[in-house]
N, C-alpha and C. Protein backbone atom coordinates (compact mmCIF):
# COMPACT_ATOMS: atom_id res chain seq x y z
N MET A 1 71.38 80.43 110.03
CA MET A 1 72.04 81.62 110.19
C MET A 1 71.31 82.47 109.16
N ARG A 2 70.82 83.75 109.51
CA ARG A 2 70.32 84.59 108.43
C ARG A 2 71.38 85.54 108.03
N THR A 3 71.13 85.66 106.63
CA THR A 3 72.18 86.50 105.71
C THR A 3 71.43 87.85 105.55
N GLN A 4 72.19 88.86 105.27
CA GLN A 4 71.58 90.11 104.87
C GLN A 4 70.82 90.17 103.50
N THR A 5 71.06 89.12 102.67
CA THR A 5 70.30 89.08 101.41
C THR A 5 68.96 88.59 101.66
N LYS A 6 68.52 88.18 102.73
CA LYS A 6 67.06 87.91 103.07
C LYS A 6 66.29 89.03 102.96
N ARG A 7 66.79 90.19 102.98
CA ARG A 7 65.77 91.42 102.82
C ARG A 7 65.62 91.99 101.49
N LEU A 8 66.12 91.35 100.45
CA LEU A 8 66.17 91.67 99.28
C LEU A 8 64.75 91.85 98.62
N ASN A 9 63.74 90.92 98.95
CA ASN A 9 62.44 90.85 98.56
C ASN A 9 61.38 91.80 99.38
N GLU A 10 61.83 92.26 100.36
CA GLU A 10 60.78 93.06 101.29
C GLU A 10 60.60 94.43 100.48
N THR A 11 59.27 94.87 100.69
CA THR A 11 58.97 96.10 100.12
C THR A 11 58.98 97.26 101.14
N PRO A 12 59.52 98.34 101.01
CA PRO A 12 59.73 99.33 102.12
C PRO A 12 58.39 99.93 102.42
N LYS A 13 57.92 100.21 103.55
CA LYS A 13 56.95 100.73 104.02
C LYS A 13 57.22 102.39 104.57
N VAL A 14 56.47 103.09 103.97
CA VAL A 14 56.48 104.64 104.20
C VAL A 14 55.76 105.12 105.32
N ARG A 15 56.29 105.83 106.23
CA ARG A 15 55.46 106.33 107.29
C ARG A 15 56.12 107.71 107.64
N GLN A 16 55.73 108.33 108.53
CA GLN A 16 55.80 109.79 108.78
C GLN A 16 57.44 110.06 109.00
N GLU A 17 57.88 111.10 108.16
CA GLU A 17 59.19 111.47 108.31
C GLU A 17 59.50 112.47 109.29
N ARG A 18 60.90 112.38 109.79
CA ARG A 18 61.18 113.36 110.80
C ARG A 18 62.69 113.68 110.47
N ILE A 19 63.31 115.01 110.96
CA ILE A 19 64.66 115.15 110.76
C ILE A 19 65.49 114.81 111.98
N VAL A 20 66.54 114.17 111.97
CA VAL A 20 67.34 113.66 113.09
C VAL A 20 68.84 114.30 112.97
N THR A 21 69.31 114.74 113.89
CA THR A 21 70.69 115.34 113.85
C THR A 21 71.62 114.09 114.74
N THR A 22 72.42 113.76 114.10
CA THR A 22 73.48 112.91 114.81
C THR A 22 74.79 113.63 114.93
N SER A 23 75.21 113.48 116.31
CA SER A 23 76.60 114.03 116.59
C SER A 23 77.24 113.11 117.71
N GLY A 24 78.42 113.08 117.68
CA GLY A 24 78.98 112.21 118.69
C GLY A 24 80.42 112.53 118.85
N GLU A 25 81.30 111.50 119.43
CA GLU A 25 82.54 111.67 119.61
C GLU A 25 83.55 111.98 118.39
N THR A 26 82.97 111.44 117.29
CA THR A 26 83.72 111.44 116.02
C THR A 26 83.70 112.90 115.37
N ASN A 27 82.90 113.88 116.19
CA ASN A 27 82.81 115.33 115.54
C ASN A 27 81.95 115.20 114.41
N LEU A 28 81.14 114.20 114.22
CA LEU A 28 80.29 113.98 113.09
C LEU A 28 78.93 114.63 113.35
N THR A 29 78.61 115.69 112.41
CA THR A 29 77.24 116.36 112.57
C THR A 29 76.68 116.29 111.29
N SER A 30 75.51 115.77 111.20
CA SER A 30 74.78 115.79 109.90
C SER A 30 73.28 115.67 110.18
N GLN A 31 72.45 115.88 109.08
CA GLN A 31 71.15 115.83 109.24
C GLN A 31 70.71 114.86 108.33
N ARG A 32 69.59 114.08 108.47
CA ARG A 32 69.13 113.00 107.52
C ARG A 32 67.64 113.02 107.77
N ASN A 33 67.03 112.65 106.68
CA ASN A 33 65.52 112.14 106.83
C ASN A 33 65.33 110.76 107.33
N VAL A 34 64.90 110.53 108.51
CA VAL A 34 64.58 109.36 108.80
C VAL A 34 62.98 108.98 108.65
N ALA A 35 62.66 107.85 108.12
CA ALA A 35 61.44 107.30 108.03
C ALA A 35 61.45 105.82 108.56
N GLN A 36 60.38 105.30 109.25
CA GLN A 36 60.41 103.99 109.60
C GLN A 36 60.24 103.13 108.24
N GLY A 37 61.10 102.29 107.97
CA GLY A 37 61.04 101.49 106.89
C GLY A 37 61.22 102.14 105.52
N ARG A 38 61.63 103.30 105.43
CA ARG A 38 61.80 104.16 104.31
C ARG A 38 63.25 104.31 104.00
N ARG A 39 63.80 104.11 102.84
CA ARG A 39 65.16 104.31 102.44
C ARG A 39 65.56 105.70 102.48
N ILE A 40 66.55 106.39 102.74
CA ILE A 40 67.01 107.64 102.63
C ILE A 40 68.11 107.85 101.48
N ALA A 41 68.14 109.10 101.09
CA ALA A 41 69.32 109.31 100.08
C ALA A 41 70.60 109.37 100.93
N ALA A 42 71.77 109.60 100.08
CA ALA A 42 73.07 109.51 100.71
C ALA A 42 73.20 110.48 102.04
N LEU A 43 73.91 110.03 102.83
CA LEU A 43 74.16 110.83 104.13
C LEU A 43 75.58 110.94 104.18
N SER A 44 76.03 112.18 104.61
CA SER A 44 77.48 112.42 104.84
C SER A 44 77.90 113.18 106.12
N GLY A 45 79.10 112.87 106.45
CA GLY A 45 79.54 113.75 107.76
C GLY A 45 81.05 113.90 107.53
N GLN A 46 81.67 114.86 108.32
CA GLN A 46 83.02 115.04 108.29
C GLN A 46 83.70 115.06 109.69
N ALA A 47 84.89 114.85 109.67
CA ALA A 47 85.58 114.76 110.93
C ALA A 47 87.09 115.30 110.68
N GLU A 48 87.75 115.79 111.71
CA GLU A 48 89.15 116.14 111.57
C GLU A 48 90.03 115.23 112.45
N HIS A 49 91.13 114.70 112.02
CA HIS A 49 92.04 113.94 112.83
C HIS A 49 93.47 114.03 112.43
N GLN A 50 94.22 114.68 113.30
CA GLN A 50 95.69 114.93 113.11
C GLN A 50 95.94 115.69 111.85
N GLY A 51 95.10 116.74 111.56
CA GLY A 51 95.48 117.53 110.52
C GLY A 51 94.58 117.01 109.17
N TYR A 52 94.10 115.96 109.21
CA TYR A 52 93.57 115.25 108.04
C TYR A 52 92.01 115.58 108.09
N ARG A 53 91.27 115.90 106.99
CA ARG A 53 89.94 116.02 106.98
C ARG A 53 89.30 114.66 106.45
N LEU A 54 88.45 113.93 107.21
CA LEU A 54 87.90 112.77 106.79
C LEU A 54 86.38 113.13 106.48
N THR A 55 85.95 112.80 105.18
CA THR A 55 84.64 113.01 104.66
C THR A 55 84.02 111.66 104.47
N ALA A 56 83.12 111.23 105.23
CA ALA A 56 82.53 109.85 105.18
C ALA A 56 81.11 110.23 104.34
N ARG A 57 80.68 109.20 103.75
CA ARG A 57 79.42 109.00 103.02
C ARG A 57 78.78 107.85 103.08
N ALA A 58 77.43 107.63 103.45
CA ALA A 58 76.62 106.49 103.29
C ALA A 58 75.87 106.65 102.17
N GLU A 59 75.82 105.64 101.21
CA GLU A 59 75.10 105.65 100.10
C GLU A 59 74.41 104.53 99.89
N PRO A 60 73.08 104.54 99.66
CA PRO A 60 72.21 103.31 99.30
C PRO A 60 72.68 102.64 98.23
N VAL A 61 72.61 101.36 98.43
CA VAL A 61 72.73 100.58 97.15
C VAL A 61 71.57 99.64 97.01
N LYS A 62 71.50 98.94 96.05
CA LYS A 62 70.25 98.00 95.56
C LYS A 62 69.77 97.19 96.64
N SER A 63 70.59 96.52 97.48
CA SER A 63 70.15 95.39 98.38
C SER A 63 69.66 95.91 99.82
N ALA A 64 69.17 97.19 99.72
CA ALA A 64 68.61 97.70 101.00
C ALA A 64 69.73 98.01 102.06
N LEU A 65 71.01 97.97 101.59
CA LEU A 65 72.13 98.28 102.49
C LEU A 65 72.68 99.73 102.10
N TYR A 66 73.53 100.33 103.01
CA TYR A 66 74.35 101.52 102.62
C TYR A 66 75.85 101.11 102.57
N ALA A 67 76.52 101.59 101.63
CA ALA A 67 77.88 101.43 101.28
C ALA A 67 78.53 102.68 102.08
N ALA A 68 79.69 102.45 102.80
CA ALA A 68 80.41 103.40 103.62
C ALA A 68 81.49 103.86 102.56
N HIS A 69 81.46 105.05 102.13
CA HIS A 69 82.64 105.64 101.22
C HIS A 69 83.43 106.80 102.11
N LEU A 70 84.74 106.86 101.85
CA LEU A 70 85.49 107.86 102.55
C LEU A 70 86.44 108.52 101.81
N VAL A 71 86.66 109.90 102.00
CA VAL A 71 87.55 110.63 101.26
C VAL A 71 88.50 111.40 102.20
N ILE A 72 89.82 111.13 102.13
CA ILE A 72 90.65 111.55 103.09
C ILE A 72 91.59 112.70 102.35
N GLU A 73 91.65 113.84 102.97
CA GLU A 73 92.35 115.05 102.40
C GLU A 73 93.15 115.58 103.74
N GLY A 74 94.53 115.84 103.25
CA GLY A 74 95.29 116.33 104.45
C GLY A 74 96.70 116.68 103.89
N PRO A 75 97.52 117.21 104.79
CA PRO A 75 98.95 117.56 104.46
C PRO A 75 99.77 116.63 103.81
N GLY A 76 99.68 115.33 104.13
CA GLY A 76 100.41 114.11 103.39
C GLY A 76 99.76 113.73 102.22
N CYS A 77 98.77 114.15 101.73
CA CYS A 77 98.21 113.58 100.58
C CYS A 77 98.03 114.81 99.44
N ARG A 78 98.88 114.57 98.31
CA ARG A 78 98.61 115.62 97.31
C ARG A 78 97.26 115.77 96.58
N THR A 79 96.79 114.51 96.47
CA THR A 79 95.24 114.34 95.90
C THR A 79 94.50 113.61 96.99
N PRO A 80 93.14 114.09 97.08
CA PRO A 80 92.51 113.31 98.16
C PRO A 80 92.34 111.74 97.91
N ARG A 81 92.63 111.00 99.01
CA ARG A 81 92.54 109.53 98.76
C ARG A 81 91.08 109.18 99.02
N ARG A 82 90.53 108.36 98.08
CA ARG A 82 89.25 107.97 97.99
C ARG A 82 89.07 106.45 98.26
N PHE A 83 88.23 106.01 99.05
CA PHE A 83 87.98 104.59 99.60
C PHE A 83 86.46 104.33 99.30
N HIS A 84 86.05 103.57 98.31
CA HIS A 84 84.71 103.23 98.06
C HIS A 84 84.42 101.94 98.53
N ALA A 85 83.08 102.05 99.10
CA ALA A 85 82.43 100.77 99.70
C ALA A 85 83.28 100.10 100.66
N LEU A 86 83.72 100.69 101.76
CA LEU A 86 84.54 99.92 102.78
C LEU A 86 83.86 98.89 103.31
N ASP A 87 82.50 98.87 103.37
CA ASP A 87 81.68 97.95 104.06
C ASP A 87 80.27 98.34 103.92
N TYR A 88 79.20 97.42 104.16
CA TYR A 88 77.91 97.55 103.99
C TYR A 88 77.24 97.50 105.39
N PHE A 89 76.12 98.37 105.44
CA PHE A 89 75.48 98.46 106.60
C PHE A 89 73.86 98.68 106.41
N TYR A 90 73.09 98.21 107.28
CA TYR A 90 71.47 98.55 107.21
C TYR A 90 71.44 99.90 107.64
N ASP A 91 72.09 100.46 108.64
CA ASP A 91 71.98 101.71 109.19
C ASP A 91 72.83 102.77 108.57
N PRO A 92 72.59 103.82 107.85
CA PRO A 92 73.33 104.80 107.37
C PRO A 92 74.36 105.54 108.41
N ALA A 93 73.76 105.76 109.57
CA ALA A 93 74.58 106.32 110.51
C ALA A 93 75.76 105.40 111.08
N GLN A 94 75.51 104.12 111.13
CA GLN A 94 76.39 103.11 111.39
C GLN A 94 77.56 103.04 110.46
N ALA A 95 77.08 103.12 109.02
CA ALA A 95 78.07 103.31 107.95
C ALA A 95 78.95 104.41 108.06
N LEU A 96 78.37 105.65 108.42
CA LEU A 96 79.22 106.92 108.72
C LEU A 96 80.16 106.70 109.86
N ARG A 97 79.72 106.14 110.86
CA ARG A 97 80.69 105.98 112.08
C ARG A 97 81.88 105.03 111.66
N TYR A 98 81.41 104.06 110.94
CA TYR A 98 82.66 102.92 110.62
C TYR A 98 83.64 103.62 109.63
N ALA A 99 83.09 104.59 108.69
CA ALA A 99 84.12 105.03 107.66
C ALA A 99 84.86 106.06 108.30
N ILE A 100 84.43 106.90 109.36
CA ILE A 100 85.18 107.78 110.02
C ILE A 100 86.18 107.04 111.01
N ARG A 101 85.87 106.09 111.72
CA ARG A 101 86.69 105.30 112.36
C ARG A 101 87.82 104.63 111.58
N TRP A 102 87.45 104.08 110.40
CA TRP A 102 88.36 103.56 109.42
C TRP A 102 89.39 104.67 108.90
N GLY A 103 88.92 105.67 108.74
CA GLY A 103 89.84 106.82 108.40
C GLY A 103 90.84 107.26 109.34
N ARG A 104 90.38 107.27 110.52
CA ARG A 104 91.30 107.55 111.80
C ARG A 104 92.39 106.37 111.85
N ILE A 105 92.02 105.25 111.69
CA ILE A 105 93.09 104.06 111.63
C ILE A 105 93.98 104.27 110.50
N TRP A 106 93.52 104.66 109.42
CA TRP A 106 94.36 104.87 108.23
C TRP A 106 95.45 105.94 108.60
N VAL A 107 94.84 107.16 109.13
CA VAL A 107 95.75 108.41 109.31
C VAL A 107 96.67 107.84 110.33
N ASP A 108 96.45 107.25 111.37
CA ASP A 108 97.41 106.80 112.43
C ASP A 108 98.44 106.05 111.86
N LEU A 109 98.13 104.97 111.05
CA LEU A 109 99.06 103.96 110.58
C LEU A 109 99.96 104.76 109.51
N ARG A 110 99.40 105.65 108.63
CA ARG A 110 100.25 106.68 107.99
C ARG A 110 101.30 107.36 108.74
N HIS A 111 100.79 108.02 109.77
CA HIS A 111 101.62 108.85 110.59
C HIS A 111 102.77 107.92 111.03
N THR A 112 102.43 106.69 111.54
CA THR A 112 103.42 105.80 112.03
C THR A 112 104.54 105.42 111.04
N LYS A 113 104.04 105.08 109.83
CA LYS A 113 104.81 104.68 108.69
C LYS A 113 105.70 105.93 108.34
N VAL A 114 105.16 107.20 108.33
CA VAL A 114 106.15 108.32 107.86
C VAL A 114 107.22 108.52 108.91
N ALA A 115 106.82 108.48 110.32
CA ALA A 115 107.82 108.60 111.35
C ALA A 115 108.74 107.52 111.22
N ALA A 116 108.41 106.39 110.93
CA ALA A 116 109.53 105.35 110.77
C ALA A 116 110.39 105.40 109.61
N GLU A 117 109.79 106.11 108.52
CA GLU A 117 110.77 106.19 107.54
C GLU A 117 111.73 107.44 107.68
N ARG A 118 111.14 108.50 108.43
CA ARG A 118 112.09 109.56 108.73
C ARG A 118 113.32 109.28 109.73
N VAL A 119 112.91 108.32 110.62
CA VAL A 119 114.10 107.91 111.65
C VAL A 119 114.92 107.06 110.74
N ALA A 120 114.38 106.15 109.79
CA ALA A 120 115.30 105.36 109.12
C ALA A 120 116.29 106.26 108.14
N SER A 121 115.63 107.25 107.47
CA SER A 121 116.53 107.98 106.68
C SER A 121 117.57 108.79 107.40
N ALA A 122 117.18 109.28 108.58
CA ALA A 122 118.13 110.16 109.47
C ALA A 122 119.33 109.22 109.98
N SER A 123 118.75 107.97 110.34
CA SER A 123 119.87 107.13 110.77
C SER A 123 120.80 106.70 109.78
N SER A 124 120.22 106.25 108.51
CA SER A 124 120.97 105.90 107.41
C SER A 124 122.06 106.98 106.99
N ALA A 125 121.63 108.20 107.22
CA ALA A 125 122.50 109.44 106.72
C ALA A 125 123.64 109.40 107.62
N ASN A 126 123.61 109.17 108.92
CA ASN A 126 124.62 109.05 109.90
C ASN A 126 125.44 107.80 110.01
N TYR A 127 124.84 106.81 109.14
CA TYR A 127 125.51 105.62 109.35
C TYR A 127 126.58 105.25 108.37
N THR A 128 127.78 104.96 108.75
CA THR A 128 128.67 104.48 107.62
C THR A 128 128.93 103.04 108.14
N GLU A 129 129.02 102.30 106.97
CA GLU A 129 129.27 100.75 107.05
C GLU A 129 130.71 100.55 107.61
N PRO A 130 130.87 99.59 108.61
CA PRO A 130 132.15 99.36 108.98
C PRO A 130 133.03 98.55 107.94
N PRO A 131 134.27 98.87 107.94
CA PRO A 131 135.13 98.40 106.82
C PRO A 131 135.28 96.87 107.10
N LEU A 132 135.64 96.07 106.06
CA LEU A 132 135.83 94.82 106.22
C LEU A 132 137.22 94.60 106.91
N LYS A 133 137.58 93.18 107.10
CA LYS A 133 138.77 93.12 107.80
C LYS A 133 139.94 93.50 106.96
N GLU A 134 140.11 93.18 105.75
CA GLU A 134 141.20 93.64 105.02
C GLU A 134 141.35 95.10 104.89
N GLU A 135 140.07 95.70 104.78
CA GLU A 135 140.02 97.14 104.68
C GLU A 135 140.60 97.82 105.94
N ARG A 136 140.27 97.20 106.96
CA ARG A 136 140.77 97.92 108.44
C ARG A 136 142.11 97.71 108.46
N ALA A 137 142.79 96.47 108.04
CA ALA A 137 144.39 96.43 108.04
C ALA A 137 144.94 97.51 107.17
N ASP A 138 144.33 97.72 105.96
CA ASP A 138 144.88 98.81 105.17
C ASP A 138 144.72 100.05 105.67
N TRP A 139 143.65 100.47 106.32
CA TRP A 139 143.38 101.71 106.76
C TRP A 139 144.30 102.03 108.11
N VAL A 140 144.62 100.95 108.80
CA VAL A 140 145.50 101.14 110.08
C VAL A 140 146.91 101.46 109.58
N ASP A 141 147.24 100.63 108.39
CA ASP A 141 148.78 100.80 107.89
C ASP A 141 148.89 102.16 107.25
N ASN A 142 147.83 102.61 106.56
CA ASN A 142 147.98 103.93 105.90
C ASN A 142 147.80 105.20 106.85
N HIS A 143 147.18 105.12 108.08
CA HIS A 143 146.96 106.15 108.87
C HIS A 143 147.80 106.14 110.23
N GLU A 144 148.90 105.49 110.06
CA GLU A 144 149.78 105.33 111.21
C GLU A 144 151.04 106.31 111.18
């Protein structure tokens, strides 16, 4: 089984560069320099999901991989949430797609959690604990 560390000793080959625009379902639009065998600088993209802004970034690391970073800004966050090195990829575009997808899952889970807390707090405000057996007897005697 080959691991990703096998590529550590390879020397990058520089070929002709070109500009590629990537866009897809994730509302991800960015430009990057692509060269066969050449590493590129950090690549970033943004997406919106349920009122949150997801800013993904693929940053090169020493081992010929790209780390997927994510910043989430939105109505439920007083300060931006930063997630560094969610995972590592050979392709920077794949790192961006992963970070955006991970961010959408985080937002969905946060909305589910907030909604559950609202329901719990609303139901606990209307809920009164039933009296114990002795208290019920006292209550019936005093209110007759």
